[in-house]
Amino acid sequence: MTQPEINFKANSIDEIHYKVMALIKDYPIGKVLDFPSGFGRLSYWLKEKGHGVTSCDIAIEEYSKSPIKHKLANLNDYFPFDDNNFDYAFCIDGPEHAENLYHTFREFYRVLKPNGLFVVSIPNYSNIESRLKQFWYGVLEPITTKEDFSASQYGTGQFHINRPTFALLRMSLEAAKFSIIKISYDKEKNNQKYFYPFYLMIRLVTKIKGEKGDKKYWLKSANSRNVLMGGNTLILICKKEAA
């Protein structure tokens, strides 16, 4: 069965899974952790490619009709796996649901084998549109209320409670000892073309600040085109360097 023929519900923006599969299409077959996996579309596609996949989520009772067998796990707890267990780990639209990114990324690092790859996606809180939204509203996304939290079956994990900009996301990944080897995104945002003058101004500031600005704020990566003009979602490929 080819990818377009699969009628799985995507728990994230539809294009993300397609872009992730394109990014890893030349990687060798390996042992994979997909967490959080949602209904299991990415897990299914990875299995179709020959990978050995372990699919995890906090809401497995909601995915009883999925052909993928899910294991119960929580991004905020310790992962139920041994050290150095997986060749690849995927955390697709998961970081924004984690209470403590430093803990979550350390756990992904722990369960990956040396030289293992970590593919993570998160809403792009650093593109031009988000930066302007932060300026006008003071927040990157609508807030979650006390009533929302009280009604949640899965506690804080049901909502976007963690909204890091690129630099803060990179900080938490590097604190876990990951190295970012690729920065990508889901698809172009057509409406961002109207903000192109802002992009040029930010790129000019980045150039003026030079190495000093990059060392202090990671301006070269935080203000790269893939981040500033990228889509709704950032997709990062990270590596657990061998000791």
C-alpha atoms as a PDB file:
ATOM      1  CA  MET A   1       0.000   0.000   0.000  1.00  0.00           C
ATOM      2  CA  THR A   2       1.433   3.355  -0.990  1.00  0.00           C
ATOM      3  CA  GLN A   3       1.355   6.369   1.276  1.00  0.00           C
ATOM      4  CA  PRO A   4      -1.380   8.330  -0.581  1.00  0.00           C
ATOM      5  CA  GLU A   5      -3.713   5.303  -0.421  1.00  0.00           C
ATOM      6  CA  ILE A   6      -3.642   5.152   3.366  1.00  0.00           C
ATOM      7  CA  ASN A   7      -6.686   6.765   4.887  1.00  0.00           C
ATOM      8  CA  PHE A   8      -5.235   7.258   8.388  1.00  0.00           C
ATOM      9  CA  LYS A   9      -6.268  10.271  10.400  1.00  0.00           C
ATOM     10  CA  ALA A  10      -3.320  12.610  10.909  1.00  0.00           C
ATOM     11  CA  ASN A  11      -3.081  14.071  14.409  1.00  0.00           C
ATOM     12  CA  SER A  12      -0.826  16.784  13.066  1.00  0.00           C
ATOM     13  CA  ILE A  13      -0.801  18.944   9.934  1.00  0.00           C
ATOM     14  CA  ASP A  14      -1.182  16.521   7.042  1.00  0.00           C
ATOM     15  CA  GLU A  15       1.964  17.567   5.171  1.00  0.00           C
ATOM     16  CA  ILE A  16       4.293  16.892   8.108  1.00  0.00           C
ATOM     17  CA  HIS A  17       4.310  13.095   7.774  1.00  0.00           C
ATOM     18  CA  TYR A  18       4.914  13.327   4.024  1.00  0.00           C
ATOM     19  CA  LYS A  19       7.825  15.712   4.541  1.00  0.00           C
ATOM     20  CA  VAL A  20       9.337  13.534   7.284  1.00  0.00           C
ATOM     21  CA  MET A  21       9.170  10.451   5.052  1.00  0.00           C
ATOM     22  CA  ALA A  22      10.848  12.393   2.253  1.00  0.00           C
ATOM     23  CA  LEU A  23      13.618  13.589   4.576  1.00  0.00           C
ATOM     24  CA  ILE A  24      14.473  10.063   5.758  1.00  0.00           C
ATOM     25  CA  LYS A  25      13.845   8.120   2.551  1.00  0.00           C
ATOM     26  CA  ASP A  26      17.537   7.280   2.067  1.00  0.00           C
ATOM     27  CA  TYR A  27      18.235   6.292   5.669  1.00  0.00           C
ATOM     28  CA  PRO A  28      18.998   2.618   6.382  1.00  0.00           C
ATOM     29  CA  ILE A  29      16.374   0.392   7.983  1.00  0.00           C
ATOM     30  CA  GLY A  30      16.478   0.405  11.776  1.00  0.00           C
ATOM     31  CA  LYS A  31      14.687   0.188  15.074  1.00  0.00           C
ATOM     32  CA  VAL A  32      12.306   3.122  15.529  1.00  0.00           C
ATOM     33  CA  LEU A  33      10.470   4.865  18.368  1.00  0.00           C
ATOM     34  CA  ASP A  34       7.466   6.945  17.262  1.00  0.00           C
ATOM     35  CA  PHE A  35       6.285   8.999  20.252  1.00  0.00           C
ATOM     36  CA  PRO A  36       3.702  10.523  20.369  1.00  0.00           C
ATOM     37  CA  SER A  37       2.327   8.532  17.480  1.00  0.00           C
ATOM     38  CA  GLY A  38      -1.317   9.571  17.482  1.00  0.00           C
ATOM     39  CA  PHE A  39      -3.456   7.246  15.381  1.00  0.00           C
ATOM     40  CA  GLY A  40      -0.310   5.706  13.925  1.00  0.00           C
ATOM     41  CA  ARG A  41      -0.010   6.873  10.338  1.00  0.00           C
ATOM     42  CA  LEU A  42       3.723   7.605  10.497  1.00  0.00           C
ATOM     43  CA  SER A  43       4.326   4.335  12.357  1.00  0.00           C
ATOM     44  CA  TYR A  44       2.462   2.460   9.634  1.00  0.00           C
ATOM     45  CA  TRP A  45       4.428   4.102   6.842  1.00  0.00           C
ATOM     46  CA  LEU A  46       7.717   3.365   8.610  1.00  0.00           C
ATOM     47  CA  LYS A  47       6.704  -0.269   9.034  1.00  0.00           C
ATOM     48  CA  GLU A  48       5.850  -0.398   5.327  1.00  0.00           C
ATOM     49  CA  LYS A  49       9.419   0.699   4.616  1.00  0.00           C
ATOM     50  CA  GLY A  50      10.747  -2.169   6.719  1.00  0.00           C
ATOM     51  CA  HIS A  51      11.587  -0.405   9.976  1.00  0.00           C
ATOM     52  CA  GLY A  52      10.882  -2.096  13.297  1.00  0.00           C
ATOM     53  CA  VAL A  53       8.570   0.414  14.970  1.00  0.00           C
ATOM     54  CA  THR A  54       7.482   0.928  18.571  1.00  0.00           C
ATOM     55  CA  SER A  55       4.500   3.282  18.674  1.00  0.00           C
ATOM     56  CA  CYS A  56       3.730   5.193  21.895  1.00  0.00           C
ATOM     57  CA  ASP A  57       1.083   7.650  23.012  1.00  0.00           C
ATOM     58  CA  ILE A  58      -0.688   8.874  26.148  1.00  0.00           C
ATOM     59  CA  ALA A  59      -4.162   8.426  24.615  1.00  0.00           C
ATOM     60  CA  ILE A  60      -4.032   4.874  23.301  1.00  0.00           C
ATOM     61  CA  GLU A  61      -7.689   4.167  24.090  1.00  0.00           C
ATOM     62  CA  GLU A  62      -8.635   6.717  21.439  1.00  0.00           C
ATOM     63  CA  TYR A  63      -6.750   4.749  18.783  1.00  0.00           C
ATOM     64  CA  SER A  64      -8.281   1.315  19.318  1.00  0.00           C
ATOM     65  CA  LYS A  65      -9.270   1.124  15.626  1.00  0.00           C
ATOM     66  CA  SER A  66      -5.714   1.703  14.430  1.00  0.00           C
ATOM     67  CA  PRO A  67      -3.892  -1.267  12.888  1.00  0.00           C
ATOM     68  CA  ILE A  68      -0.868  -0.122  14.879  1.00  0.00           C
ATOM     69  CA  LYS A  69      -0.383  -1.533  18.362  1.00  0.00           C
ATOM     70  CA  HIS A  70       0.323   1.331  20.756  1.00  0.00           C
ATOM     71  CA  LYS A  71       2.284   1.303  23.991  1.00  0.00           C
ATOM     72  CA  LEU A  72       1.174   3.624  26.783  1.00  0.00           C
ATOM     73  CA  ALA A  73       3.772   6.287  27.593  1.00  0.00           C
ATOM     74  CA  ASN A  74       3.907   9.901  28.732  1.00  0.00           C
ATOM     75  CA  LEU A  75       6.364  12.525  27.483  1.00  0.00           C
ATOM     76  CA  ASN A  76       6.531  13.923  31.007  1.00  0.00           C
ATOM     77  CA  ASP A  77       7.561  10.612  32.619  1.00  0.00           C
ATOM     78  CA  TYR A  78      10.535   8.320  32.178  1.00  0.00           C
ATOM     79  CA  PHE A  79      10.226   6.351  28.956  1.00  0.00           C
ATOM     80  CA  PRO A  80       9.633   2.578  29.442  1.00  0.00           C
ATOM     81  CA  PHE A  81      12.689   1.538  27.444  1.00  0.00           C
ATOM     82  CA  ASP A  82      16.298   0.591  28.102  1.00  0.00           C
ATOM     83  CA  ASP A  83      19.218   2.845  27.284  1.00  0.00           C
ATOM     84  CA  ASN A  84      20.672   2.812  23.747  1.00  0.00           C
ATOM     85  CA  ASN A  85      17.675   0.956  22.335  1.00  0.00           C
ATOM     86  CA  PHE A  86      16.636   2.689  19.082  1.00  0.00           C
ATOM     87  CA  ASP A  87      18.319   3.747  15.846  1.00  0.00           C
ATOM     88  CA  TYR A  88      15.726   6.461  15.233  1.00  0.00           C
ATOM     89  CA  ALA A  89      13.224   8.377  17.336  1.00  0.00           C
ATOM     90  CA  PHE A  90      10.392  10.526  16.007  1.00  0.00           C
ATOM     91  CA  CYS A  91       8.618  13.141  18.107  1.00  0.00           C
ATOM     92  CA  ILE A  92       6.132  14.639  15.693  1.00  0.00           C
ATOM     93  CA  ASP A  93       4.262  17.603  17.153  1.00  0.00           C
ATOM     94  CA  GLY A  94       5.071  16.384  20.642  1.00  0.00           C
ATOM     95  CA  PRO A  95       7.367  18.991  22.261  1.00  0.00           C
ATOM     96  CA  GLU A  96       4.625  21.601  22.560  1.00  0.00           C
ATOM     97  CA  HIS A  97       2.689  19.147  24.770  1.00  0.00           C
ATOM     98  CA  ALA A  98       5.592  18.413  27.129  1.00  0.00           C
ATOM     99  CA  GLU A  99       5.826  20.162  30.489  1.00  0.00           C
ATOM    100  CA  ASN A 100       9.612  19.948  30.620  1.00  0.00           C
ATOM    101  CA  LEU A 101      11.413  19.821  27.278  1.00  0.00           C
ATOM    102  CA  TYR A 102      14.757  19.293  28.976  1.00  0.00           C
ATOM    103  CA  HIS A 103      13.495  16.093  30.591  1.00  0.00           C
ATOM    104  CA  THR A 104      11.711  14.914  27.424  1.00  0.00           C
ATOM    105  CA  PHE A 105      14.730  15.419  25.173  1.00  0.00           C
ATOM    106  CA  ARG A 106      17.061  13.790  27.706  1.00  0.00           C
ATOM    107  CA  GLU A 107      14.811  10.724  27.620  1.00  0.00           C
ATOM    108  CA  PHE A 108      14.887  10.573  23.824  1.00  0.00           C
ATOM    109  CA  TYR A 109      18.666  10.907  23.983  1.00  0.00           C
ATOM    110  CA  ARG A 110      18.905   8.133  26.564  1.00  0.00           C
ATOM    111  CA  VAL A 111      16.910   5.567  24.564  1.00  0.00           C
ATOM    112  CA  LEU A 112      18.704   6.279  21.279  1.00  0.00           C
ATOM    113  CA  LYS A 113      21.804   4.358  20.285  1.00  0.00           C
ATOM    114  CA  PRO A 114      25.053   6.278  19.723  1.00  0.00           C
ATOM    115  CA  ASN A 115      24.847   7.975  16.298  1.00  0.00           C
ATOM    116  CA  GLY A 116      21.063   7.551  16.477  1.00  0.00           C
ATOM    117  CA  LEU A 117      18.886  10.187  14.827  1.00  0.00           C
ATOM    118  CA  PHE A 118      16.080  12.161  16.439  1.00  0.00           C
ATOM    119  CA  VAL A 119      13.442  13.694  14.142  1.00  0.00           C
ATOM    120  CA  VAL A 120      11.325  16.289  15.910  1.00  0.00           C
ATOM    121  CA  SER A 121       8.599  18.623  14.681  1.00  0.00           C
ATOM    122  CA  ILE A 122       6.998  21.528  16.492  1.00  0.00           C
ATOM    123  CA  PRO A 123       4.852  24.539  15.528  1.00  0.00           C
ATOM    124  CA  ASN A 124       7.108  27.219  14.107  1.00  0.00           C
ATOM    125  CA  TYR A 125       7.076  29.859  16.809  1.00  0.00           C
ATOM    126  CA  SER A 126       9.905  31.772  15.127  1.00  0.00           C
ATOM    127  CA  ASN A 127       8.604  32.492  11.635  1.00  0.00           C
ATOM    128  CA  ILE A 128       7.705  36.038  10.646  1.00  0.00           C
ATOM    129  CA  GLU A 129       3.992  35.559  11.271  1.00  0.00           C
ATOM    130  CA  SER A 130       4.595  34.230  14.804  1.00  0.00           C
ATOM    131  CA  ARG A 131       6.980  37.058  15.637  1.00  0.00           C
ATOM    132  CA  LEU A 132       4.413  39.636  14.613  1.00  0.00           C
ATOM    133  CA  LYS A 133       1.702  37.802  16.527  1.00  0.00           C
ATOM    134  CA  GLN A 134       3.895  37.854  19.638  1.00  0.00           C
ATOM    135  CA  PHE A 135       4.397  41.604  19.161  1.00  0.00           C
ATOM    136  CA  TRP A 136       0.672  42.368  18.883  1.00  0.00           C
ATOM    137  CA  TYR A 137      -0.852  39.816  21.261  1.00  0.00           C
ATOM    138  CA  GLY A 138       1.975  39.089  23.680  1.00  0.00           C
ATOM    139  CA  VAL A 139       1.484  35.327  23.175  1.00  0.00           C
ATOM    140  CA  LEU A 140       2.264  32.991  20.289  1.00  0.00           C
ATOM    141  CA  GLU A 141      -1.016  31.073  20.381  1.00  0.00           C
ATOM    142  CA  PRO A 142      -4.379  31.390  22.148  1.00  0.00           C
ATOM    143  CA  ILE A 143      -4.226  30.718  25.891  1.00  0.00           C
ATOM    144  CA  THR A 144      -5.596  27.659  27.681  1.00  0.00           C
ATOM    145  CA  THR A 145      -7.942  28.385  30.585  1.00  0.00           C
ATOM    146  CA  LYS A 146      -8.431  26.844  34.006  1.00  0.00           C
ATOM    147  CA  GLU A 147     -11.694  25.369  32.740  1.00  0.00           C
ATOM    148  CA  ASP A 148      -9.888  23.777  29.788  1.00  0.00           C
ATOM    149  CA  PHE A 149      -7.336  22.130  32.057  1.00  0.00           C
ATOM    150  CA  SER A 150     -10.051  20.921  34.445  1.00  0.00           C
ATOM    151  CA  ALA A 151     -11.958  19.269  31.617  1.00  0.00           C
ATOM    152  CA  SER A 152      -8.901  17.567  30.123  1.00  0.00           C
ATOM    153  CA  GLN A 153      -8.702  13.793  30.254  1.00  0.00           C
ATOM    154  CA  TYR A 154      -4.938  13.911  29.726  1.00  0.00           C
ATOM    155  CA  GLY A 155      -3.986  16.850  31.933  1.00  0.00           C
ATOM    156  CA  THR A 156      -1.696  19.469  30.457  1.00  0.00           C
ATOM    157  CA  GLY A 157      -0.587  17.067  27.715  1.00  0.00           C
ATOM    158  CA  GLN A 158      -3.729  17.746  25.714  1.00  0.00           C
ATOM    159  CA  PHE A 159      -2.707  21.353  25.018  1.00  0.00           C
ATOM    160  CA  HIS A 160       0.126  23.415  23.565  1.00  0.00           C
ATOM    161  CA  ILE A 161       1.695  24.311  26.888  1.00  0.00           C
ATOM    162  CA  ASN A 162       5.283  24.663  25.659  1.00  0.00           C
ATOM    163  CA  ARG A 163       5.879  27.235  22.918  1.00  0.00           C
ATOM    164  CA  PRO A 164       9.617  27.717  22.484  1.00  0.00           C
ATOM    165  CA  THR A 165      11.139  29.907  19.822  1.00  0.00           C
ATOM    166  CA  PHE A 166      13.887  28.302  17.760  1.00  0.00           C
ATOM    167  CA  ALA A 167      16.733  29.403  20.030  1.00  0.00           C
ATOM    168  CA  LEU A 168      15.011  28.042  23.146  1.00  0.00           C
ATOM    169  CA  LEU A 169      14.207  24.802  21.342  1.00  0.00           C
ATOM    170  CA  ARG A 170      17.853  24.482  20.342  1.00  0.00           C
ATOM    171  CA  MET A 171      18.917  25.207  23.927  1.00  0.00           C
ATOM    172  CA  SER A 172      16.875  22.287  25.253  1.00  0.00           C
ATOM    173  CA  LEU A 173      18.142  19.953  22.512  1.00  0.00           C
ATOM    174  CA  GLU A 174      21.769  20.892  23.172  1.00  0.00           C
ATOM    175  CA  ALA A 175      21.258  20.531  26.919  1.00  0.00           C
ATOM    176  CA  ALA A 176      20.285  16.929  26.132  1.00  0.00           C
ATOM    177  CA  LYS A 177      23.531  16.696  24.068  1.00  0.00           C
ATOM    178  CA  PHE A 178      21.845  16.501  20.660  1.00  0.00           C
ATOM    179  CA  SER A 179      23.381  18.160  17.609  1.00  0.00           C
ATOM    180  CA  ILE A 180      21.022  19.657  15.019  1.00  0.00           C
ATOM    181  CA  ILE A 181      22.086  18.475  11.567  1.00  0.00           C
ATOM    182  CA  LYS A 182      19.147  19.710   9.462  1.00  0.00           C
ATOM    183  CA  ILE A 183      16.443  22.384   9.735  1.00  0.00           C
ATOM    184  CA  SER A 184      13.380  22.010   7.516  1.00  0.00           C
ATOM    185  CA  TYR A 185       9.632  22.737   7.554  1.00  0.00           C
ATOM    186  CA  ASP A 186       6.324  21.309   6.368  1.00  0.00           C
ATOM    187  CA  LYS A 187       5.373  23.631   3.490  1.00  0.00           C
ATOM    188  CA  GLU A 188       5.572  27.261   2.384  1.00  0.00           C
ATOM    189  CA  LYS A 189       3.096  29.721   3.927  1.00  0.00           C
ATOM    190  CA  ASN A 190       1.784  31.802   1.053  1.00  0.00           C
ATOM    191  CA  ASN A 191       0.641  34.673   3.272  1.00  0.00           C
ATOM    192  CA  GLN A 192       4.182  35.139   4.594  1.00  0.00           C
ATOM    193  CA  LYS A 193       5.287  36.570   1.254  1.00  0.00           C
ATOM    194  CA  TYR A 194       3.621  39.810   2.370  1.00  0.00           C
ATOM    195  CA  PHE A 195       6.109  39.968   5.246  1.00  0.00           C
ATOM    196  CA  TYR A 196       9.163  39.695   2.999  1.00  0.00           C
ATOM    197  CA  PRO A 197      10.398  43.233   3.844  1.00  0.00           C
ATOM    198  CA  PHE A 198      10.534  42.184   7.527  1.00  0.00           C
ATOM    199  CA  TYR A 199      12.520  39.107   6.513  1.00  0.00           C
ATOM    200  CA  LEU A 200      15.049  41.256   4.664  1.00  0.00           C
ATOM    201  CA  MET A 201      15.412  43.608   7.636  1.00  0.00           C
ATOM    202  CA  ILE A 202      16.002  40.716  10.045  1.00  0.00           C
ATOM    203  CA  ARG A 203      18.521  39.159   7.656  1.00  0.00           C
ATOM    204  CA  LEU A 204      20.341  42.514   7.473  1.00  0.00           C
ATOM    205  CA  VAL A 205      20.531  42.720  11.271  1.00  0.00           C
ATOM    206  CA  THR A 206      21.810  39.133  11.347  1.00  0.00           C
ATOM    207  CA  LYS A 207      24.570  40.037   8.895  1.00  0.00           C
ATOM    208  CA  ILE A 208      25.516  43.199  10.797  1.00  0.00           C
ATOM    209  CA  LYS A 209      25.713  41.337  14.115  1.00  0.00           C
ATOM    210  CA  GLY A 210      27.939  38.716  12.499  1.00  0.00           C
ATOM    211  CA  GLU A 211      29.744  36.091  14.556  1.00  0.00           C
ATOM    212  CA  LYS A 212      29.188  37.941  17.814  1.00  0.00           C
ATOM    213  CA  GLY A 213      25.411  37.917  17.299  1.00  0.00           C
ATOM    214  CA  ASP A 214      25.470  34.268  16.279  1.00  0.00           C
ATOM    215  CA  LYS A 215      27.469  33.261  19.337  1.00  0.00           C
ATOM    216  CA  LYS A 216      25.176  35.192  21.671  1.00  0.00           C
ATOM    217  CA  TYR A 217      21.766  34.508  20.065  1.00  0.00           C
ATOM    218  CA  TRP A 218      22.327  31.790  17.382  1.00  0.00           C
ATOM    219  CA  LEU A 219      21.156  34.363  14.857  1.00  0.00           C
ATOM    220  CA  LYS A 220      22.382  32.483  11.794  1.00  0.00           C
ATOM    221  CA  SER A 221      20.138  29.498  12.439  1.00  0.00           C
ATOM    222  CA  ALA A 222      17.307  31.302  14.271  1.00  0.00           C
ATOM    223  CA  ASN A 223      17.053  33.829  11.437  1.00  0.00           C
ATOM    224  CA  SER A 224      17.667  31.427   8.565  1.00  0.00           C
ATOM    225  CA  ARG A 225      15.187  31.365   5.716  1.00  0.00           C
ATOM    226  CA  ASN A 226      13.842  27.938   6.717  1.00  0.00           C
ATOM    227  CA  VAL A 227      12.916  29.336  10.119  1.00  0.00           C
ATOM    228  CA  LEU A 228      11.793  32.875   9.256  1.00  0.00           C
ATOM    229  CA  MET A 229       9.924  32.048   6.052  1.00  0.00           C
ATOM    230  CA  GLY A 230       9.207  28.391   6.832  1.00  0.00           C
ATOM    231  CA  GLY A 231       5.758  26.923   7.235  1.00  0.00           C
ATOM    232  CA  ASN A 232       3.536  26.302  10.218  1.00  0.00           C
ATOM    233  CA  THR A 233       5.888  23.587  11.453  1.00  0.00           C
ATOM    234  CA  LEU A 234       9.626  23.273  12.006  1.00  0.00           C
ATOM    235  CA  ILE A 235      11.140  19.847  11.362  1.00  0.00           C
ATOM    236  CA  LEU A 236      14.586  19.187  12.837  1.00  0.00           C
ATOM    237  CA  ILE A 237      16.870  16.222  12.390  1.00  0.00           C
ATOM    238  CA  CYS A 238      19.203  15.797  15.347  1.00  0.00           C
ATOM    239  CA  LYS A 239      21.982  13.348  16.123  1.00  0.00           C
ATOM    240  CA  LYS A 240      23.169  11.609  19.252  1.00  0.00           C
ATOM    241  CA  GLU A 241      26.906  11.765  18.755  1.00  0.00           C
ATOM    242  CA  ALA A 242      28.897   8.671  19.604  1.00  0.00           C
ATOM    243  CA  ALA A 243      30.938   9.071  22.784  1.00  0.00           C
END
